[in-house]
Amino acid sequence: MKLWLAIVLIVVALILGVVLGFILARKYMMKYLKENPPITEDIIRTMMTQMGRTPSEKQVRQVMKSVNAQYDQKSAKKEK
Protein backbone atom coordinates (compact mmCIF):
# COMPACT_ATOMS: atom_id res chain seq x y z
CA MET A 1 0.00 0.00 0.00
CA LYS A 2 2.82 2.42 0.82
CA LEU A 3 4.48 1.79 -2.54
CA TRP A 4 1.39 2.99 -4.43
CA LEU A 5 1.18 6.08 -2.29
CA ALA A 6 4.83 6.90 -2.96
CA ILE A 7 4.37 6.42 -6.72
CA VAL A 8 1.25 8.61 -6.77
CA LEU A 9 2.97 11.36 -4.78
CA ILE A 10 5.98 11.31 -7.11
CA VAL A 11 3.77 11.54 -10.20
CA VAL A 12 1.73 14.39 -8.70
CA ALA A 13 4.90 16.24 -7.71
CA LEU A 14 6.30 15.85 -11.25
CA ILE A 15 3.08 17.12 -12.83
CA LEU A 16 2.94 20.11 -10.48
CA GLY A 17 6.59 20.89 -11.15
CA VAL A 18 6.11 20.84 -14.91
CA VAL A 19 2.99 23.03 -14.76
CA LEU A 20 4.53 25.50 -12.34
CA GLY A 21 7.75 25.63 -14.35
CA PHE A 22 5.83 26.31 -17.55
CA ILE A 23 3.82 29.12 -15.98
CA LEU A 24 6.88 30.79 -14.45
CA ALA A 25 8.91 30.48 -17.67
CA ARG A 26 6.05 31.98 -19.69
CA LYS A 27 5.70 34.94 -17.31
CA TYR A 28 9.45 35.55 -17.41
CA MET A 29 9.54 35.48 -21.22
CA MET A 30 6.54 37.82 -21.53
CA LYS A 31 8.20 40.28 -19.15
CA TYR A 32 11.52 40.01 -21.00
CA LEU A 33 9.92 40.60 -24.41
CA LYS A 34 7.99 43.58 -23.09
CA GLU A 35 11.17 45.17 -21.67
CA ASN A 36 13.35 44.20 -24.68
CA PRO A 37 11.14 44.19 -27.79
CA PRO A 38 12.45 42.19 -30.74
CA ILE A 39 11.74 45.12 -33.10
CA THR A 40 13.68 48.34 -32.62
CA GLU A 41 13.78 51.63 -34.48
CA ASP A 42 17.04 50.62 -36.17
CA ILE A 43 15.44 47.45 -37.53
CA ILE A 44 12.49 49.46 -38.89
CA ARG A 45 14.85 51.93 -40.58
CA THR A 46 16.79 49.07 -42.15
CA MET A 47 13.61 47.38 -43.39
CA MET A 48 12.28 50.59 -44.93
CA THR A 49 15.63 51.26 -46.59
CA GLN A 50 15.67 47.74 -48.04
CA MET A 51 12.20 48.35 -49.46
CA GLY A 52 13.55 51.37 -51.30
CA ARG A 53 12.13 54.06 -49.02
CA THR A 54 14.01 56.70 -47.12
CA PRO A 55 12.28 56.70 -43.74
CA SER A 56 11.64 59.92 -41.92
CA GLU A 57 11.77 60.01 -38.12
CA LYS A 58 8.00 60.52 -38.07
CA GLN A 59 7.41 57.35 -40.09
CA VAL A 60 9.73 55.32 -37.89
CA ARG A 61 8.01 56.51 -34.71
CA GLN A 62 4.59 55.83 -36.24
CA VAL A 63 5.56 52.23 -37.06
CA MET A 64 7.02 51.75 -33.57
CA LYS A 65 3.83 53.12 -32.03
CA SER A 66 1.70 50.70 -34.04
CA VAL A 67 3.95 47.75 -33.14
CA ASN A 68 3.83 48.64 -29.44
CA ALA A 69 0.06 49.04 -29.61
CA GLN A 70 -0.19 45.60 -31.15
CA TYR A 71 1.94 44.08 -28.35
CA ASP A 72 -0.17 45.84 -25.71
CA GLN A 73 -3.37 44.65 -27.34
CA LYS A 74 -2.19 41.04 -27.42
CA SER A 75 -1.04 41.11 -23.80
CA ALA A 76 -4.34 42.69 -22.69
CA LYS A 77 -6.27 39.86 -24.35
CA LYS A 78 -4.15 37.22 -22.64
CA GLU A 79 -4.60 38.78 -19.20
CA LYS A 80 -8.40 38.53 -19.41
PDB file of N, CA and C in Angstrom:
ATOM      1  N   MET A   1       0.822  -1.189   0.000  1.00  0.00           N
ATOM      2  CA  MET A   1       0.000   0.000   0.000  1.00  0.00           C
ATOM      3  C   MET A   1       0.868   1.255   0.000  1.00  0.00           C
ATOM      4  N   LYS A   2       1.961   1.255   0.740  1.00  0.00           N
ATOM      5  CA  LYS A   2       2.819   2.424   0.823  1.00  0.00           C
ATOM      6  C   LYS A   2       3.538   2.690  -0.501  1.00  0.00           C
ATOM      7  N   LEU A   3       3.811   1.626  -1.249  1.00  0.00           N
ATOM      8  CA  LEU A   3       4.482   1.792  -2.540  1.00  0.00           C
ATOM      9  C   LEU A   3       3.604   2.577  -3.503  1.00  0.00           C
ATOM     10  N   TRP A   4       2.319   2.273  -3.552  1.00  0.00           N
ATOM     11  CA  TRP A   4       1.393   2.991  -4.428  1.00  0.00           C
ATOM     12  C   TRP A   4       1.289   4.461  -4.031  1.00  0.00           C
ATOM     13  N   LEU A   5       1.261   4.706  -2.763  1.00  0.00           N
ATOM     14  CA  LEU A   5       1.179   6.083  -2.286  1.00  0.00           C
ATOM     15  C   LEU A   5       2.423   6.866  -2.694  1.00  0.00           C
ATOM     16  N   ALA A   6       3.578   6.242  -2.572  1.00  0.00           N
ATOM     17  CA  ALA A   6       4.828   6.898  -2.956  1.00  0.00           C
ATOM     18  C   ALA A   6       4.843   7.186  -4.457  1.00  0.00           C
ATOM     19  N   ILE A   7       4.409   6.235  -5.262  1.00  0.00           N
ATOM     20  CA  ILE A   7       4.373   6.421  -6.717  1.00  0.00           C
ATOM     21  C   ILE A   7       3.415   7.547  -7.091  1.00  0.00           C
ATOM     22  N   VAL A   8       2.247   7.568  -6.483  1.00  0.00           N
ATOM     23  CA  VAL A   8       1.254   8.614  -6.772  1.00  0.00           C
ATOM     24  C   VAL A   8       1.792   9.980  -6.373  1.00  0.00           C
ATOM     25  N   LEU A   9       2.423  10.073  -5.217  1.00  0.00           N
ATOM     26  CA  LEU A   9       2.971  11.359  -4.780  1.00  0.00           C
ATOM     27  C   LEU A   9       4.080  11.843  -5.715  1.00  0.00           C
ATOM     28  N   ILE A  10       4.914  10.930  -6.181  1.00  0.00           N
ATOM     29  CA  ILE A  10       5.983  11.306  -7.111  1.00  0.00           C
ATOM     30  C   ILE A  10       5.398  11.803  -8.427  1.00  0.00           C
ATOM     31  N   VAL A  11       4.405  11.122  -8.938  1.00  0.00           N
ATOM     32  CA  VAL A  11       3.772  11.537 -10.198  1.00  0.00           C
ATOM     33  C   VAL A  11       3.096  12.901 -10.038  1.00  0.00           C
ATOM     34  N   VAL A  12       2.391  13.105  -8.941  1.00  0.00           N
ATOM     35  CA  VAL A  12       1.729  14.388  -8.696  1.00  0.00           C
ATOM     36  C   VAL A  12       2.767  15.502  -8.567  1.00  0.00           C
ATOM     37  N   ALA A  13       3.850  15.235  -7.861  1.00  0.00           N
ATOM     38  CA  ALA A  13       4.902  16.244  -7.709  1.00  0.00           C
ATOM     39  C   ALA A  13       5.528  16.582  -9.062  1.00  0.00           C
ATOM     40  N   LEU A  14       5.757  15.598  -9.911  1.00  0.00           N
ATOM     41  CA  LEU A  14       6.297  15.855 -11.246  1.00  0.00           C
ATOM     42  C   LEU A  14       5.347  16.707 -12.086  1.00  0.00           C
ATOM     43  N   ILE A  15       4.073  16.361 -12.056  1.00  0.00           N
ATOM     44  CA  ILE A  15       3.078  17.122 -12.834  1.00  0.00           C
ATOM     45  C   ILE A  15       3.013  18.562 -12.334  1.00  0.00           C
ATOM     46  N   LEU A  16       2.973  18.754 -11.025  1.00  0.00           N
ATOM     47  CA  LEU A  16       2.938  20.109 -10.477  1.00  0.00           C
ATOM     48  C   LEU A  16       4.201  20.891 -10.830  1.00  0.00           C
ATOM     49  N   GLY A  17       5.343  20.242 -10.797  1.00  0.00           N
ATOM     50  CA  GLY A  17       6.595  20.895 -11.153  1.00  0.00           C
ATOM     51  C   GLY A  17       6.632  21.337 -12.605  1.00  0.00           C
ATOM     52  N   VAL A  18       6.140  20.489 -13.490  1.00  0.00           N
ATOM     53  CA  VAL A  18       6.107  20.836 -14.912  1.00  0.00           C
ATOM     54  C   VAL A  18       5.153  22.004 -15.151  1.00  0.00           C
ATOM     55  N   VAL A  19       3.971  21.953 -14.571  1.00  0.00           N
ATOM     56  CA  VAL A  19       2.988  23.028 -14.762  1.00  0.00           C
ATOM     57  C   VAL A  19       3.505  24.338 -14.182  1.00  0.00           C
ATOM     58  N   LEU A  20       4.016  24.293 -12.982  1.00  0.00           N
ATOM     59  CA  LEU A  20       4.529  25.503 -12.344  1.00  0.00           C
ATOM     60  C   LEU A  20       5.731  26.062 -13.106  1.00  0.00           C
ATOM     61  N   GLY A  21       6.603  25.194 -13.555  1.00  0.00           N
ATOM     62  CA  GLY A  21       7.752  25.630 -14.349  1.00  0.00           C
ATOM     63  C   GLY A  21       7.337  26.291 -15.644  1.00  0.00           C
ATOM     64  N   PHE A  22       6.331  25.720 -16.304  1.00  0.00           N
ATOM     65  CA  PHE A  22       5.831  26.306 -17.549  1.00  0.00           C
ATOM     66  C   PHE A  22       5.253  27.689 -17.313  1.00  0.00           C
ATOM     67  N   ILE A  23       4.454  27.831 -16.274  1.00  0.00           N
ATOM     68  CA  ILE A  23       3.825  29.120 -15.976  1.00  0.00           C
ATOM     69  C   ILE A  23       4.877  30.174 -15.646  1.00  0.00           C
ATOM     70  N   LEU A  24       5.835  29.831 -14.816  1.00  0.00           N
ATOM     71  CA  LEU A  24       6.881  30.786 -14.451  1.00  0.00           C
ATOM     72  C   LEU A  24       7.751  31.165 -15.652  1.00  0.00           C
ATOM     73  N   ALA A  25       8.091  30.189 -16.481  1.00  0.00           N
ATOM     74  CA  ALA A  25       8.909  30.480 -17.667  1.00  0.00           C
ATOM     75  C   ALA A  25       8.152  31.384 -18.635  1.00  0.00           C
ATOM     76  N   ARG A  26       6.865  31.154 -18.785  1.00  0.00           N
ATOM     77  CA  ARG A  26       6.048  31.980 -19.691  1.00  0.00           C
ATOM     78  C   ARG A  26       5.972  33.418 -19.188  1.00  0.00           C
ATOM     79  N   LYS A  27       5.756  33.592 -17.877  1.00  0.00           N
ATOM     80  CA  LYS A  27       5.702  34.939 -17.310  1.00  0.00           C
ATOM     81  C   LYS A  27       7.027  35.667 -17.491  1.00  0.00           C
ATOM     82  N   TYR A  28       8.129  34.955 -17.259  1.00  0.00           N
ATOM     83  CA  TYR A  28       9.455  35.550 -17.414  1.00  0.00           C
ATOM     84  C   TYR A  28       9.680  35.987 -18.860  1.00  0.00           C
ATOM     85  N   MET A  29       9.337  35.141 -19.816  1.00  0.00           N
ATOM     86  CA  MET A  29       9.543  35.477 -21.221  1.00  0.00           C
ATOM     87  C   MET A  29       8.667  36.647 -21.654  1.00  0.00           C
ATOM     88  N   MET A  30       7.423  36.703 -21.185  1.00  0.00           N
ATOM     89  CA  MET A  30       6.541  37.819 -21.532  1.00  0.00           C
ATOM     90  C   MET A  30       7.112  39.123 -20.983  1.00  0.00           C
ATOM     91  N   LYS A  31       7.612  39.086 -19.756  1.00  0.00           N
ATOM     92  CA  LYS A  31       8.201  40.281 -19.153  1.00  0.00           C
ATOM     93  C   LYS A  31       9.455  40.694 -19.917  1.00  0.00           C
ATOM     94  N   TYR A  32      10.287  39.731 -20.268  1.00  0.00           N
ATOM     95  CA  TYR A  32      11.522  40.011 -20.999  1.00  0.00           C
ATOM     96  C   TYR A  32      11.219  40.628 -22.363  1.00  0.00           C
ATOM     97  N   LEU A  33      10.253  40.076 -23.084  1.00  0.00           N
ATOM     98  CA  LEU A  33       9.917  40.602 -24.405  1.00  0.00           C
ATOM     99  C   LEU A  33       9.288  41.989 -24.323  1.00  0.00           C
ATOM    100  N   LYS A  34       8.569  42.254 -23.246  1.00  0.00           N
ATOM    101  CA  LYS A  34       7.991  43.585 -23.088  1.00  0.00           C
ATOM    102  C   LYS A  34       9.095  44.610 -22.809  1.00  0.00           C
ATOM    103  N   GLU A  35      10.080  44.259 -22.001  1.00  0.00           N
ATOM    104  CA  GLU A  35      11.173  45.171 -21.672  1.00  0.00           C
ATOM    105  C   GLU A  35      12.178  45.290 -22.813  1.00  0.00           C
ATOM    106  N   ASN A  36      12.379  44.227 -23.574  1.00  0.00           N
ATOM    107  CA  ASN A  36      13.348  44.203 -24.681  1.00  0.00           C
ATOM    108  C   ASN A  36      12.642  43.734 -25.955  1.00  0.00           C
ATOM    109  N   PRO A  37      11.900  44.620 -26.604  1.00  0.00           N
ATOM    110  CA  PRO A  37      11.144  44.185 -27.786  1.00  0.00           C
ATOM    111  C   PRO A  37      12.068  43.713 -28.908  1.00  0.00           C
ATOM    112  N   PRO A  38      11.619  42.720 -29.663  1.00  0.00           N
ATOM    113  CA  PRO A  38      12.455  42.190 -30.735  1.00  0.00           C
ATOM    114  C   PRO A  38      12.576  43.151 -31.922  1.00  0.00           C
ATOM    115  N   ILE A  39      11.696  44.149 -32.007  1.00  0.00           N
ATOM    116  CA  ILE A  39      11.743  45.118 -33.101  1.00  0.00           C
ATOM    117  C   ILE A  39      12.138  46.473 -32.531  1.00  0.00           C
ATOM    118  N   THR A  40      13.207  47.045 -33.065  1.00  0.00           N
ATOM    119  CA  THR A  40      13.679  48.340 -32.618  1.00  0.00           C
ATOM    120  C   THR A  40      13.580  49.341 -33.764  1.00  0.00           C
ATOM    121  N   GLU A  41      13.844  50.595 -33.457  1.00  0.00           N
ATOM    122  CA  GLU A  41      13.784  51.633 -34.478  1.00  0.00           C
ATOM    123  C   GLU A  41      14.826  51.392 -35.566  1.00  0.00           C
ATOM    124  N   ASP A  42      15.990  50.897 -35.182  1.00  0.00           N
ATOM    125  CA  ASP A  42      17.036  50.620 -36.175  1.00  0.00           C
ATOM    126  C   ASP A  42      16.598  49.536 -37.156  1.00  0.00           C
ATOM    127  N   ILE A  43      15.925  48.527 -36.658  1.00  0.00           N
ATOM    128  CA  ILE A  43      15.440  47.448 -37.525  1.00  0.00           C
ATOM    129  C   ILE A  43      14.403  47.995 -38.499  1.00  0.00           C
ATOM    130  N   ILE A  44      13.515  48.868 -38.021  1.00  0.00           N
ATOM    131  CA  ILE A  44      12.491  49.456 -38.892  1.00  0.00           C
ATOM    132  C   ILE A  44      13.147  50.313 -39.969  1.00  0.00           C
ATOM    133  N   ARG A  45      14.135  51.109 -39.584  1.00  0.00           N
ATOM    134  CA  ARG A  45      14.853  51.932 -40.577  1.00  0.00           C
ATOM    135  C   ARG A  45      15.499  51.053 -41.645  1.00  0.00           C
ATOM    136  N   THR A  46      16.129  49.978 -41.212  1.00  0.00           N
ATOM    137  CA  THR A  46      16.785  49.065 -42.155  1.00  0.00           C
ATOM    138  C   THR A  46      15.770  48.425 -43.090  1.00  0.00           C
ATOM    139  N   MET A  47      14.637  48.001 -42.560  1.00  0.00           N
ATOM    140  CA  MET A  47      13.608  47.381 -43.392  1.00  0.00           C
ATOM    141  C   MET A  47      13.065  48.360 -44.419  1.00  0.00           C
ATOM    142  N   MET A  48      12.801  49.586 -43.999  1.00  0.00           N
ATOM    143  CA  MET A  48      12.278  50.590 -44.929  1.00  0.00           C
ATOM    144  C   MET A  48      13.309  50.919 -46.005  1.00  0.00           C
ATOM    145  N   THR A  49      14.573  50.985 -45.621  1.00  0.00           N
ATOM    146  CA  THR A  49      15.627  51.264 -46.591  1.00  0.00           C
ATOM    147  C   THR A  49      15.732  50.126 -47.598  1.00  0.00           C
ATOM    148  N   GLN A  50      15.607  48.897 -47.145  1.00  0.00           N
ATOM    149  CA  GLN A  50      15.669  47.745 -48.043  1.00  0.00           C
ATOM    150  C   GLN A  50      14.485  47.715 -49.002  1.00  0.00           C
ATOM    151  N   MET A  51      13.368  48.283 -48.580  1.00  0.00           N
ATOM    152  CA  MET A  51      12.198  48.349 -49.463  1.00  0.00           C
ATOM    153  C   MET A  51      12.296  49.515 -50.441  1.00  0.00           C
ATOM    154  N   GLY A  52      13.360  50.290 -50.368  1.00  0.00           N
ATOM    155  CA  GLY A  52      13.548  51.374 -51.304  1.00  0.00           C
ATOM    156  C   GLY A  52      12.972  52.696 -50.841  1.00  0.00           C
ATOM    157  N   ARG A  53      12.678  52.812 -49.570  1.00  0.00           N
ATOM    158  CA  ARG A  53      12.131  54.056 -49.023  1.00  0.00           C
ATOM    159  C   ARG A  53      13.166  54.691 -48.115  1.00  0.00           C
ATOM    160  N   THR A  54      13.165  56.006 -48.093  1.00  0.00           N
ATOM    161  CA  THR A  54      14.007  56.701 -47.124  1.00  0.00           C
ATOM    162  C   THR A  54      13.107  57.121 -45.971  1.00  0.00           C
ATOM    163  N   PRO A  55      13.216  56.439 -44.843  1.00  0.00           N
ATOM    164  CA  PRO A  55      12.276  56.695 -43.742  1.00  0.00           C
ATOM    165  C   PRO A  55      12.572  58.002 -43.020  1.00  0.00           C
ATOM    166  N   SER A  56      11.501  58.735 -42.760  1.00  0.00           N
ATOM    167  CA  SER A  56      11.642  59.916 -41.919  1.00  0.00           C
ATOM    168  C   SER A  56      11.476  59.481 -40.468  1.00  0.00           C
ATOM    169  N   GLU A  57      11.885  60.335 -39.555  1.00  0.00           N
ATOM    170  CA  GLU A  57      11.771  60.010 -38.124  1.00  0.00           C
ATOM    171  C   GLU A  57      10.308  59.823 -37.743  1.00  0.00           C
ATOM    172  N   LYS A  58       9.433  60.607 -38.355  1.00  0.00           N
ATOM    173  CA  LYS A  58       7.997  60.517 -38.070  1.00  0.00           C
ATOM    174  C   LYS A  58       7.459  59.147 -38.480  1.00  0.00           C
ATOM    175  N   GLN A  59       7.872  58.658 -39.636  1.00  0.00           N
ATOM    176  CA  GLN A  59       7.412  57.347 -40.093  1.00  0.00           C
ATOM    177  C   GLN A  59       7.907  56.234 -39.176  1.00  0.00           C
ATOM    178  N   VAL A  60       9.156  56.339 -38.763  1.00  0.00           N
ATOM    179  CA  VAL A  60       9.730  55.318 -37.887  1.00  0.00           C
ATOM    180  C   VAL A  60       8.984  55.296 -36.555  1.00  0.00           C
ATOM    181  N   ARG A  61       8.742  56.446 -35.987  1.00  0.00           N
ATOM    182  CA  ARG A  61       8.013  56.515 -34.705  1.00  0.00           C
ATOM    183  C   ARG A  61       6.575  56.021 -34.853  1.00  0.00           C
ATOM    184  N   GLN A  62       5.953  56.288 -36.000  1.00  0.00           N
ATOM    185  CA  GLN A  62       4.587  55.833 -36.240  1.00  0.00           C
ATOM    186  C   GLN A  62       4.541  54.305 -36.300  1.00  0.00           C
ATOM    187  N   VAL A  63       5.510  53.698 -36.977  1.00  0.00           N
ATOM    188  CA  VAL A  63       5.559  52.234 -37.059  1.00  0.00           C
ATOM    189  C   VAL A  63       5.816  51.646 -35.677  1.00  0.00           C
ATOM    190  N   MET A  64       6.745  52.243 -34.924  1.00  0.00           N
ATOM    191  CA  MET A  64       7.024  51.755 -33.565  1.00  0.00           C
ATOM    192  C   MET A  64       5.785  51.859 -32.687  1.00  0.00           C
ATOM    193  N   LYS A  65       5.043  52.936 -32.821  1.00  0.00           N
ATOM    194  CA  LYS A  65       3.828  53.118 -32.032  1.00  0.00           C
ATOM    195  C   LYS A  65       2.798  52.044 -32.369  1.00  0.00           C
ATOM    196  N   SER A  66       2.659  51.727 -33.653  1.00  0.00           N
ATOM    197  CA  SER A  66       1.696  50.695 -34.038  1.00  0.00           C
ATOM    198  C   SER A  66       2.143  49.312 -33.570  1.00  0.00           C
ATOM    199  N   VAL A  67       3.444  49.044 -33.612  1.00  0.00           N
ATOM    200  CA  VAL A  67       3.954  47.753 -33.142  1.00  0.00           C
ATOM    201  C   VAL A  67       3.730  47.620 -31.633  1.00  0.00           C
ATOM    202  N   ASN A  68       4.036  48.679 -30.889  1.00  0.00           N
ATOM    203  CA  ASN A  68       3.827  48.643 -29.439  1.00  0.00           C
ATOM    204  C   ASN A  68       2.356  48.506 -29.092  1.00  0.00           C
ATOM    205  N   ALA A  69       1.497  49.164 -29.856  1.00  0.00           N
ATOM    206  CA  ALA A  69       0.056  49.044 -29.609  1.00  0.00           C
ATOM    207  C   ALA A  69      -0.408  47.618 -29.847  1.00  0.00           C
ATOM    208  N   GLN A  70       0.175  46.980 -30.857  1.00  0.00           N
ATOM    209  CA  GLN A  70      -0.191  45.598 -31.151  1.00  0.00           C
ATOM    210  C   GLN A  70       0.252  44.666 -30.018  1.00  0.00           C
ATOM    211  N   TYR A  71       1.464  44.876 -29.483  1.00  0.00           N
ATOM    212  CA  TYR A  71       1.938  44.077 -28.348  1.00  0.00           C
ATOM    213  C   TYR A  71       1.047  44.292 -27.132  1.00  0.00           C
ATOM    214  N   ASP A  72       0.685  45.542 -26.861  1.00  0.00           N
ATOM    215  CA  ASP A  72      -0.166  45.841 -25.706  1.00  0.00           C
ATOM    216  C   ASP A  72      -1.538  45.209 -25.859  1.00  0.00           C
ATOM    217  N   GLN A  73      -2.054  45.224 -27.087  1.00  0.00           N
ATOM    218  CA  GLN A  73      -3.373  44.646 -27.345  1.00  0.00           C
ATOM    219  C   GLN A  73      -3.353  43.140 -27.136  1.00  0.00           C
ATOM    220  N   LYS A  74      -2.289  42.485 -27.599  1.00  0.00           N
ATOM    221  CA  LYS A  74      -2.187  41.036 -27.420  1.00  0.00           C
ATOM    222  C   LYS A  74      -2.044  40.677 -25.942  1.00  0.00           C
ATOM    223  N   SER A  75      -1.241  41.434 -25.209  1.00  0.00           N
ATOM    224  CA  SER A  75      -1.044  41.107 -23.801  1.00  0.00           C
ATOM    225  C   SER A  75      -2.310  41.394 -22.996  1.00  0.00           C
ATOM    226  N   ALA A  76      -3.082  42.387 -23.401  1.00  0.00           N
ATOM    227  CA  ALA A  76      -4.336  42.687 -22.690  1.00  0.00           C
ATOM    228  C   ALA A  76      -5.339  41.553 -22.898  1.00  0.00           C
ATOM    229  N   LYS A  77      -5.358  40.969 -24.079  1.00  0.00           N
ATOM    230  CA  LYS A  77      -6.273  39.856 -24.353  1.00  0.00           C
ATOM    231  C   LYS A  77      -5.898  38.632 -23.519  1.00  0.00           C
ATOM    232  N   LYS A  78      -4.592  38.392 -23.374  1.00  0.00           N
ATOM    233  CA  LYS A  78      -4.149  37.217 -22.640  1.00  0.00           C
ATOM    234  C   LYS A  78      -4.381  37.345 -21.146  1.00  0.00           C
ATOM    235  N   GLU A  79      -4.397  38.570 -20.633  1.00  0.00           N
ATOM    236  CA  GLU A  79      -4.599  38.778 -19.200  1.00  0.00           C
ATOM    237  C   GLU A  79      -6.047  38.556 -18.788  1.00  0.00           C
ATOM    238  N   LYS A  80      -6.959  38.688 -19.734  1.00  0.00           N
ATOM    239  CA  LYS A  80      -8.396  38.527 -19.413  1.00  0.00           C
ATOM    240  C   LYS A  80      -8.767  37.123 -19.110  1.00  0.00           C
TER     241      LYS A  80
END
